[in-house]
N, C-alpha and C. Protein backbone atom coordinates (compact mmCIF):
# COMPACT_ATOMS: atom_id res chain seq x y z
N UNK A 1 -153.50 -43.35 -52.64
CA UNK A 1 -153.69 -42.66 -51.40
C UNK A 1 -154.63 -41.31 -51.95
N UNK A 2 -155.99 -40.89 -51.71
CA UNK A 2 -156.97 -40.36 -52.04
C UNK A 2 -156.39 -38.93 -51.01
N UNK A 3 -155.65 -37.64 -51.61
CA UNK A 3 -155.32 -37.04 -50.44
C UNK A 3 -156.63 -35.78 -50.24
N UNK A 4 -156.83 -35.18 -48.90
CA UNK A 4 -157.99 -34.54 -48.85
C UNK A 4 -157.50 -33.13 -49.62
N UNK A 5 -158.43 -32.41 -48.99
CA UNK A 5 -158.16 -30.56 -49.23
C UNK A 5 -157.40 -29.94 -48.11
N UNK A 6 -157.32 -30.75 -46.74
CA UNK A 6 -156.36 -30.30 -45.95
C UNK A 6 -154.74 -30.87 -46.35
N UNK A 7 -154.81 -31.68 -46.76
CA UNK A 7 -153.54 -32.41 -47.33
C UNK A 7 -152.85 -32.02 -48.01
N UNK A 8 -153.92 -31.70 -49.46
CA UNK A 8 -153.42 -30.58 -50.44
C UNK A 8 -152.70 -29.38 -50.04
N UNK A 9 -153.78 -28.22 -49.28
CA UNK A 9 -153.12 -27.15 -48.83
C UNK A 9 -151.96 -27.35 -48.03
N UNK A 10 -151.55 -28.03 -47.45
CA UNK A 10 -150.10 -28.57 -46.62
C UNK A 10 -149.28 -28.46 -47.59
N UNK A 11 -149.15 -29.92 -48.89
CA UNK A 11 -148.07 -29.39 -49.65
C UNK A 11 -147.98 -28.50 -50.47
N UNK A 12 -149.04 -27.59 -50.91
CA UNK A 12 -149.32 -26.45 -51.71
C UNK A 12 -147.92 -25.85 -50.55
N UNK A 13 -148.05 -25.37 -49.43
CA UNK A 13 -147.66 -24.40 -48.42
C UNK A 13 -146.20 -24.98 -48.63
N UNK A 14 -146.12 -26.44 -48.13
CA UNK A 14 -144.64 -26.96 -48.10
C UNK A 14 -143.85 -26.22 -49.17
N UNK A 15 -144.56 -26.60 -50.63
CA UNK A 15 -143.62 -25.90 -52.01
C UNK A 15 -143.39 -24.61 -52.16
N UNK A 16 -144.90 -23.54 -51.64
CA UNK A 16 -144.48 -22.11 -51.71
C UNK A 16 -143.50 -22.05 -50.75
N UNK A 17 -142.93 -22.36 -49.61
CA UNK A 17 -142.25 -22.41 -48.73
C UNK A 17 -140.66 -22.46 -48.98
N UNK A 18 -141.19 -23.66 -49.63
CA UNK A 18 -139.21 -24.04 -50.17
C UNK A 18 -138.80 -23.25 -51.13
N UNK A 19 -139.74 -23.29 -51.80
CA UNK A 19 -139.50 -21.96 -53.05
C UNK A 19 -139.17 -20.61 -52.65
N UNK A 20 -139.74 -20.08 -51.15
CA UNK A 20 -139.49 -18.80 -50.97
C UNK A 20 -138.50 -18.69 -49.76
N UNK A 21 -138.30 -19.74 -49.63
CA UNK A 21 -137.38 -20.14 -47.97
C UNK A 21 -136.24 -21.07 -48.99
N UNK A 22 -136.10 -21.76 -49.19
CA UNK A 22 -135.52 -23.19 -49.43
C UNK A 22 -135.47 -24.34 -48.65
N UNK A 23 -135.21 -23.98 -47.46
CA UNK A 23 -135.64 -24.69 -46.39
C UNK A 23 -137.47 -24.62 -45.59
N UNK A 24 -137.77 -25.98 -45.16
CA UNK A 24 -139.11 -25.80 -44.76
C UNK A 24 -138.83 -26.42 -43.14
N UNK A 25 -139.55 -26.16 -42.29
CA UNK A 25 -139.46 -26.91 -40.87
C UNK A 25 -141.13 -26.60 -40.77
N UNK A 26 -141.53 -27.61 -39.91
CA UNK A 26 -143.27 -27.67 -39.02
C UNK A 26 -143.67 -26.11 -38.80
N UNK A 27 -142.62 -25.30 -38.20
CA UNK A 27 -142.75 -24.11 -37.51
C UNK A 27 -143.19 -22.99 -38.61
N UNK A 28 -142.17 -23.45 -39.67
CA UNK A 28 -142.73 -22.62 -40.86
C UNK A 28 -144.08 -22.43 -41.47
N UNK A 29 -144.63 -23.75 -41.48
CA UNK A 29 -145.94 -24.09 -42.06
C UNK A 29 -147.18 -23.97 -40.58
N UNK A 30 -147.07 -23.83 -40.00
CA UNK A 30 -147.34 -23.34 -38.86
C UNK A 30 -147.75 -21.80 -38.84
N UNK A 31 -146.83 -20.94 -38.41
CA UNK A 31 -146.84 -19.95 -38.86
C UNK A 31 -147.70 -19.40 -40.55
N UNK A 32 -147.12 -19.85 -41.98
CA UNK A 32 -147.36 -19.62 -42.33
C UNK A 32 -149.22 -20.08 -42.70
N UNK A 33 -149.77 -20.91 -42.31
CA UNK A 33 -151.03 -21.33 -42.20
C UNK A 33 -151.81 -20.71 -41.12
N UNK A 34 -151.32 -20.51 -40.52
CA UNK A 34 -151.92 -19.83 -38.98
C UNK A 34 -152.05 -21.22 -38.12
N UNK A 35 -151.72 -22.12 -37.94
CA UNK A 35 -152.24 -23.22 -37.16
C UNK A 35 -151.14 -23.54 -36.17
N UNK A 36 -151.84 -24.12 -35.09
CA UNK A 36 -150.68 -24.88 -34.19
C UNK A 36 -149.93 -25.98 -34.35
N UNK A 37 -148.46 -25.93 -33.38
CA UNK A 37 -147.86 -26.71 -34.33
C UNK A 37 -148.36 -28.47 -33.78
N UNK A 38 -149.25 -28.41 -33.05
CA UNK A 38 -149.37 -29.97 -33.05
C UNK A 38 -150.28 -30.48 -33.52
N UNK A 39 -151.18 -29.23 -34.52
CA UNK A 39 -151.79 -29.16 -35.80
C UNK A 39 -150.47 -29.93 -36.85
N UNK A 40 -150.28 -28.92 -37.34
CA UNK A 40 -149.09 -29.47 -38.38
C UNK A 40 -148.47 -30.79 -37.73
N UNK A 41 -147.90 -30.85 -37.00
CA UNK A 41 -146.74 -32.11 -36.85
C UNK A 41 -148.14 -33.65 -36.88
N UNK A 42 -149.55 -33.68 -36.65
CA UNK A 42 -150.03 -34.62 -37.28
C UNK A 42 -150.13 -34.55 -38.38
N UNK A 43 -150.12 -33.71 -38.96
CA UNK A 43 -150.33 -33.49 -41.04
C UNK A 43 -149.11 -34.09 -40.98
N UNK A 44 -147.89 -33.56 -41.02
CA UNK A 44 -146.53 -34.28 -41.10
C UNK A 44 -146.59 -35.60 -40.97
N UNK A 45 -147.08 -36.12 -39.80
CA UNK A 45 -147.16 -37.44 -39.80
C UNK A 45 -148.06 -37.73 -40.71
N UNK A 46 -149.28 -37.85 -41.22
CA UNK A 46 -149.95 -38.15 -42.15
C UNK A 46 -149.11 -38.31 -43.43
N UNK A 47 -148.83 -37.10 -43.96
CA UNK A 47 -147.76 -37.05 -45.46
C UNK A 47 -146.93 -37.65 -45.23
N UNK A 48 -146.31 -37.83 -44.23
CA UNK A 48 -144.79 -38.82 -44.11
C UNK A 48 -145.48 -40.13 -44.68
N UNK A 49 -146.51 -40.70 -44.02
CA UNK A 49 -146.74 -41.85 -43.72
C UNK A 49 -147.32 -42.13 -45.42
N UNK A 50 -148.09 -41.67 -46.06
CA UNK A 50 -148.55 -41.36 -46.97
C UNK A 50 -147.65 -41.02 -48.34
N UNK A 51 -146.56 -40.83 -47.98
CA UNK A 51 -145.51 -40.80 -48.81
C UNK A 51 -145.11 -39.48 -49.57
N UNK A 52 -145.57 -38.48 -49.67
CA UNK A 52 -145.31 -37.00 -49.66
C UNK A 52 -144.87 -36.70 -49.47
N UNK A 53 -143.83 -36.67 -48.22
CA UNK A 53 -142.64 -36.09 -47.52
C UNK A 53 -141.56 -36.93 -46.72
N UNK A 54 -140.77 -36.09 -46.43
CA UNK A 54 -139.77 -37.15 -45.74
C UNK A 54 -139.56 -35.94 -44.75
N UNK A 55 -139.60 -36.60 -43.95
CA UNK A 55 -139.03 -35.79 -42.33
C UNK A 55 -137.41 -35.93 -41.94
N UNK A 56 -136.70 -34.67 -42.03
CA UNK A 56 -135.06 -34.77 -42.12
C UNK A 56 -134.74 -35.47 -40.76
N UNK A 57 -133.24 -35.93 -40.26
CA UNK A 57 -132.94 -34.98 -39.16
C UNK A 57 -132.93 -34.45 -38.12
N UNK A 58 -132.97 -33.25 -39.03
CA UNK A 58 -132.47 -31.68 -38.48
C UNK A 58 -133.92 -31.12 -38.68
N UNK A 59 -135.03 -31.52 -38.85
CA UNK A 59 -136.18 -31.26 -38.96
C UNK A 59 -136.89 -30.50 -40.15
N UNK A 60 -136.12 -30.89 -41.24
CA UNK A 60 -136.36 -29.97 -42.37
C UNK A 60 -137.40 -30.95 -42.84
N UNK A 61 -138.52 -30.52 -43.90
CA UNK A 61 -139.45 -31.11 -44.40
C UNK A 61 -139.05 -30.99 -45.55
N UNK A 62 -138.78 -32.06 -46.88
CA UNK A 62 -138.70 -31.92 -47.88
C UNK A 62 -139.36 -32.84 -48.48
N UNK A 63 -140.26 -32.15 -49.91
CA UNK A 63 -141.25 -33.32 -50.44
C UNK A 63 -140.40 -34.44 -51.14
N UNK A 64 -141.11 -35.26 -51.24
CA UNK A 64 -140.74 -36.87 -51.86
C UNK A 64 -141.25 -36.38 -53.66
N UNK A 65 -140.80 -37.26 -54.55
CA UNK A 65 -141.21 -36.76 -55.84
C UNK A 65 -142.68 -37.09 -55.75
N UNK A 66 -143.74 -37.63 -55.26
CA UNK A 66 -144.86 -37.57 -55.71
C UNK A 66 -145.50 -36.43 -54.82
N UNK A 67 -144.64 -35.79 -53.53
CA UNK A 67 -145.20 -34.81 -52.83
C UNK A 67 -145.05 -33.53 -53.79
N UNK A 68 -143.94 -33.96 -54.51
CA UNK A 68 -143.86 -32.67 -55.52
C UNK A 68 -144.40 -32.68 -56.21
N UNK A 69 -144.93 -33.59 -57.12
CA UNK A 69 -145.64 -33.93 -58.40
C UNK A 69 -147.43 -33.37 -57.85
N UNK A 70 -147.91 -33.08 -56.67
CA UNK A 70 -149.12 -33.28 -56.29
C UNK A 70 -148.99 -31.36 -55.76
N UNK A 71 -148.04 -31.46 -54.74
CA UNK A 71 -147.81 -29.77 -54.36
C UNK A 71 -148.28 -29.06 -55.66
N UNK A 72 -147.13 -29.08 -56.85
CA UNK A 72 -146.95 -28.74 -57.94
C UNK A 72 -148.48 -28.61 -58.69
N UNK A 73 -148.88 -29.50 -59.29
CA UNK A 73 -150.42 -29.61 -59.29
C UNK A 73 -151.65 -28.90 -58.61
N UNK A 74 -151.27 -28.75 -57.24
CA UNK A 74 -152.15 -27.64 -56.64
C UNK A 74 -151.71 -26.16 -56.78
N UNK A 75 -150.52 -26.20 -57.02
CA UNK A 75 -150.40 -24.62 -57.25
C UNK A 75 -150.68 -24.35 -58.55
N UNK A 76 -150.43 -24.95 -59.98
CA UNK A 76 -151.01 -24.58 -60.63
C UNK A 76 -152.25 -24.38 -60.69
N UNK A 77 -153.53 -25.37 -60.38
CA UNK A 77 -154.58 -25.02 -59.92
C UNK A 77 -154.85 -23.89 -59.66
N UNK A 78 -154.44 -23.21 -58.05
CA UNK A 78 -154.74 -22.04 -57.63
C UNK A 78 -154.22 -20.83 -58.58
N UNK A 79 -153.16 -21.03 -59.42
CA UNK A 79 -152.73 -19.90 -59.93
C UNK A 79 -153.36 -19.39 -61.34
N UNK A 80 -154.13 -20.81 -61.56
CA UNK A 80 -154.35 -20.23 -62.96
C UNK A 80 -155.70 -20.06 -62.61
N UNK A 81 -156.31 -20.47 -61.52
CA UNK A 81 -157.87 -20.54 -61.21
C UNK A 81 -157.83 -19.30 -60.83
N UNK A 82 -157.02 -18.32 -60.35
CA UNK A 82 -156.84 -17.20 -59.34
C UNK A 82 -156.71 -15.79 -60.72
N UNK A 83 -155.87 -16.13 -62.04
CA UNK A 83 -156.06 -15.26 -63.58
C UNK A 83 -157.35 -15.45 -63.67
N UNK A 84 -157.64 -16.62 -64.00
CA UNK A 84 -158.81 -16.73 -64.50
C UNK A 84 -159.71 -15.78 -63.75
N UNK A 85 -160.50 -16.07 -62.78
CA UNK A 85 -161.59 -15.27 -62.01
C UNK A 85 -160.79 -13.81 -61.59
N UNK A 86 -159.55 -13.72 -61.35
CA UNK A 86 -159.61 -11.88 -61.88
C UNK A 86 -159.20 -11.02 -62.85
N UNK A 87 -158.82 -11.23 -64.27
CA UNK A 87 -158.38 -10.92 -64.94
C UNK A 87 -159.39 -11.78 -65.92
N UNK A 88 -159.57 -12.71 -65.85
CA UNK A 88 -160.85 -12.88 -67.26
C UNK A 88 -162.71 -13.06 -66.78
N UNK A 89 -162.79 -12.78 -65.11
CA UNK A 89 -164.18 -12.77 -64.53
C UNK A 89 -164.47 -11.38 -63.75
N UNK A 90 -162.93 -11.04 -63.61
CA UNK A 90 -162.75 -9.68 -63.21
C UNK A 90 -163.09 -9.23 -61.72
N UNK A 91 -163.38 -10.28 -61.22
CA UNK A 91 -163.28 -10.78 -59.81
C UNK A 91 -162.29 -9.80 -58.80
N UNK A 92 -162.28 -9.07 -57.95
CA UNK A 92 -161.51 -8.73 -57.18
C UNK A 92 -160.64 -9.25 -56.76
N UNK A 93 -159.09 -8.92 -56.94
CA UNK A 93 -158.11 -10.12 -56.46
C UNK A 93 -158.02 -10.56 -55.31
N UNK A 94 -158.78 -10.17 -53.72
CA UNK A 94 -158.98 -11.17 -52.65
C UNK A 94 -159.84 -12.13 -52.95
N UNK A 95 -160.51 -11.98 -53.45
CA UNK A 95 -161.90 -13.00 -53.16
C UNK A 95 -161.71 -13.89 -54.09
N UNK A 96 -160.69 -13.50 -55.52
CA UNK A 96 -160.03 -14.66 -56.60
C UNK A 96 -159.45 -15.44 -55.95
N UNK A 97 -158.50 -14.85 -54.99
CA UNK A 97 -157.52 -15.92 -54.22
C UNK A 97 -158.33 -17.08 -53.12
N UNK A 98 -159.29 -16.11 -52.41
CA UNK A 98 -160.17 -17.16 -51.79
C UNK A 98 -161.16 -17.86 -52.48
N UNK A 99 -161.29 -17.29 -53.41
CA UNK A 99 -161.72 -18.73 -54.30
C UNK A 99 -161.42 -19.51 -54.93
N UNK A 100 -160.17 -19.58 -55.01
CA UNK A 100 -159.67 -20.51 -55.80
C UNK A 100 -158.54 -21.36 -55.05
N UNK A 101 -158.70 -21.11 -53.65
CA UNK A 101 -158.31 -21.19 -52.71
C UNK A 101 -159.37 -23.28 -52.90
N UNK A 102 -160.39 -22.87 -52.83
CA UNK A 102 -161.70 -23.85 -52.18
C UNK A 102 -161.92 -24.40 -53.69
N UNK A 103 -162.14 -23.83 -54.89
CA UNK A 103 -162.25 -24.49 -56.11
C UNK A 103 -161.20 -25.19 -56.16
N UNK A 104 -159.99 -24.61 -56.25
CA UNK A 104 -158.54 -26.17 -56.75
C UNK A 104 -159.02 -27.23 -56.50
N UNK A 105 -159.42 -27.87 -55.00
CA UNK A 105 -159.51 -29.29 -54.53
C UNK A 105 -161.01 -29.59 -54.76
N UNK A 106 -161.57 -29.31 -55.72
CA UNK A 106 -163.12 -29.40 -56.19
C UNK A 106 -163.14 -30.33 -57.93
N UNK A 107 -162.61 -29.01 -58.31
CA UNK A 107 -162.84 -29.01 -59.87
C UNK A 107 -162.27 -29.64 -60.54
N UNK A 108 -162.70 -30.08 -61.53
CA UNK A 108 -162.71 -32.01 -61.87
C UNK A 108 -161.61 -31.28 -63.36
N UNK A 109 -160.64 -32.39 -63.67
CA UNK A 109 -159.48 -32.20 -64.96
C UNK A 109 -160.06 -31.92 -65.80
N UNK A 110 -161.01 -31.95 -66.34
CA UNK A 110 -161.53 -31.78 -67.79
C UNK A 110 -162.11 -29.99 -67.63
N UNK A 111 -162.95 -29.88 -66.15
CA UNK A 111 -163.25 -28.38 -66.84
C UNK A 111 -161.83 -27.38 -66.34
N UNK A 112 -160.76 -28.14 -65.59
CA UNK A 112 -159.74 -27.15 -65.22
C UNK A 112 -159.05 -26.86 -66.50
N UNK A 113 -158.60 -28.49 -67.49
CA UNK A 113 -157.85 -27.73 -68.46
C UNK A 113 -158.80 -27.03 -69.56
N UNK A 114 -159.90 -26.95 -69.58
CA UNK A 114 -160.58 -25.85 -69.98
C UNK A 114 -160.26 -24.47 -70.04
N UNK A 115 -160.44 -24.20 -68.53
CA UNK A 115 -159.84 -23.10 -67.87
C UNK A 115 -158.64 -22.90 -68.32
N UNK A 116 -157.81 -23.42 -68.02
CA UNK A 116 -155.93 -23.35 -67.98
C UNK A 116 -156.06 -23.45 -69.48
N UNK A 117 -156.56 -23.48 -70.51
CA UNK A 117 -156.49 -23.68 -71.89
C UNK A 117 -157.30 -21.80 -72.40
N UNK A 118 -158.09 -21.36 -71.92
CA UNK A 118 -158.53 -19.92 -71.68
C UNK A 118 -158.08 -19.16 -71.37
N UNK A 119 -157.03 -19.24 -69.77
CA UNK A 119 -156.06 -18.47 -69.63
C UNK A 119 -154.85 -18.53 -70.41
N UNK A 120 -154.84 -19.41 -71.17
CA UNK A 120 -153.68 -19.50 -71.96
C UNK A 120 -153.53 -18.42 -73.08
N UNK A 121 -154.63 -19.16 -73.67
CA UNK A 121 -155.59 -17.77 -74.92
C UNK A 121 -155.31 -16.77 -74.88
N UNK A 122 -156.12 -16.17 -73.50
CA UNK A 122 -156.50 -14.76 -73.12
C UNK A 122 -154.57 -14.20 -73.01
N UNK A 123 -153.49 -14.95 -72.85
CA UNK A 123 -152.55 -14.18 -72.75
C UNK A 123 -151.73 -14.11 -73.72
N UNK A 124 -152.08 -14.96 -74.33
CA UNK A 124 -151.63 -14.64 -75.71
C UNK A 124 -152.23 -13.67 -76.74
N UNK A 125 -153.82 -13.29 -76.52
CA UNK A 125 -153.90 -12.31 -76.87
C UNK A 125 -153.17 -11.15 -76.37
N UNK A 126 -153.05 -10.64 -75.10
CA UNK A 126 -153.13 -9.63 -74.60
C UNK A 126 -151.49 -9.10 -75.32
N UNK A 127 -150.96 -10.65 -75.02
CA UNK A 127 -149.22 -9.93 -75.34
C UNK A 127 -149.10 -9.35 -76.93
N UNK A 128 -149.69 -10.32 -77.98
CA UNK A 128 -150.13 -9.92 -78.84
C UNK A 128 -150.88 -8.64 -79.78
N UNK A 129 -151.42 -7.98 -78.73
CA UNK A 129 -152.33 -6.96 -78.38
C UNK A 129 -151.02 -5.58 -78.15
N UNK A 130 -149.75 -6.13 -77.88
CA UNK A 130 -149.05 -4.85 -76.81
C UNK A 130 -148.15 -5.12 -78.00
């Protein structure tokens, strides 16, 4: 199933919250994303039906293997694009974050691979110069 930008944002947020807090509940997602509880509930239902998350009886939200893979991919794109924009193109950090969040959903795998290589090469140069 093709996941839309909003679904990718939810998965990315779940992964970030999981890394930060351990457990994730709908209220945590609503607070983090500044969305209403009903909006989050609807999104979680769609993600569950699509096989990206499991809703535990105690309310915890757990990423499935596919959900974790997709969330990690989105988060990697976000982080890499943010570094590319802020450190290589010298875009102010706040703008780099916002732009990365939009670009991460539409960038082709080929273009992203090129940017990721450029960021890695730049980091190697920086660490060897120290």
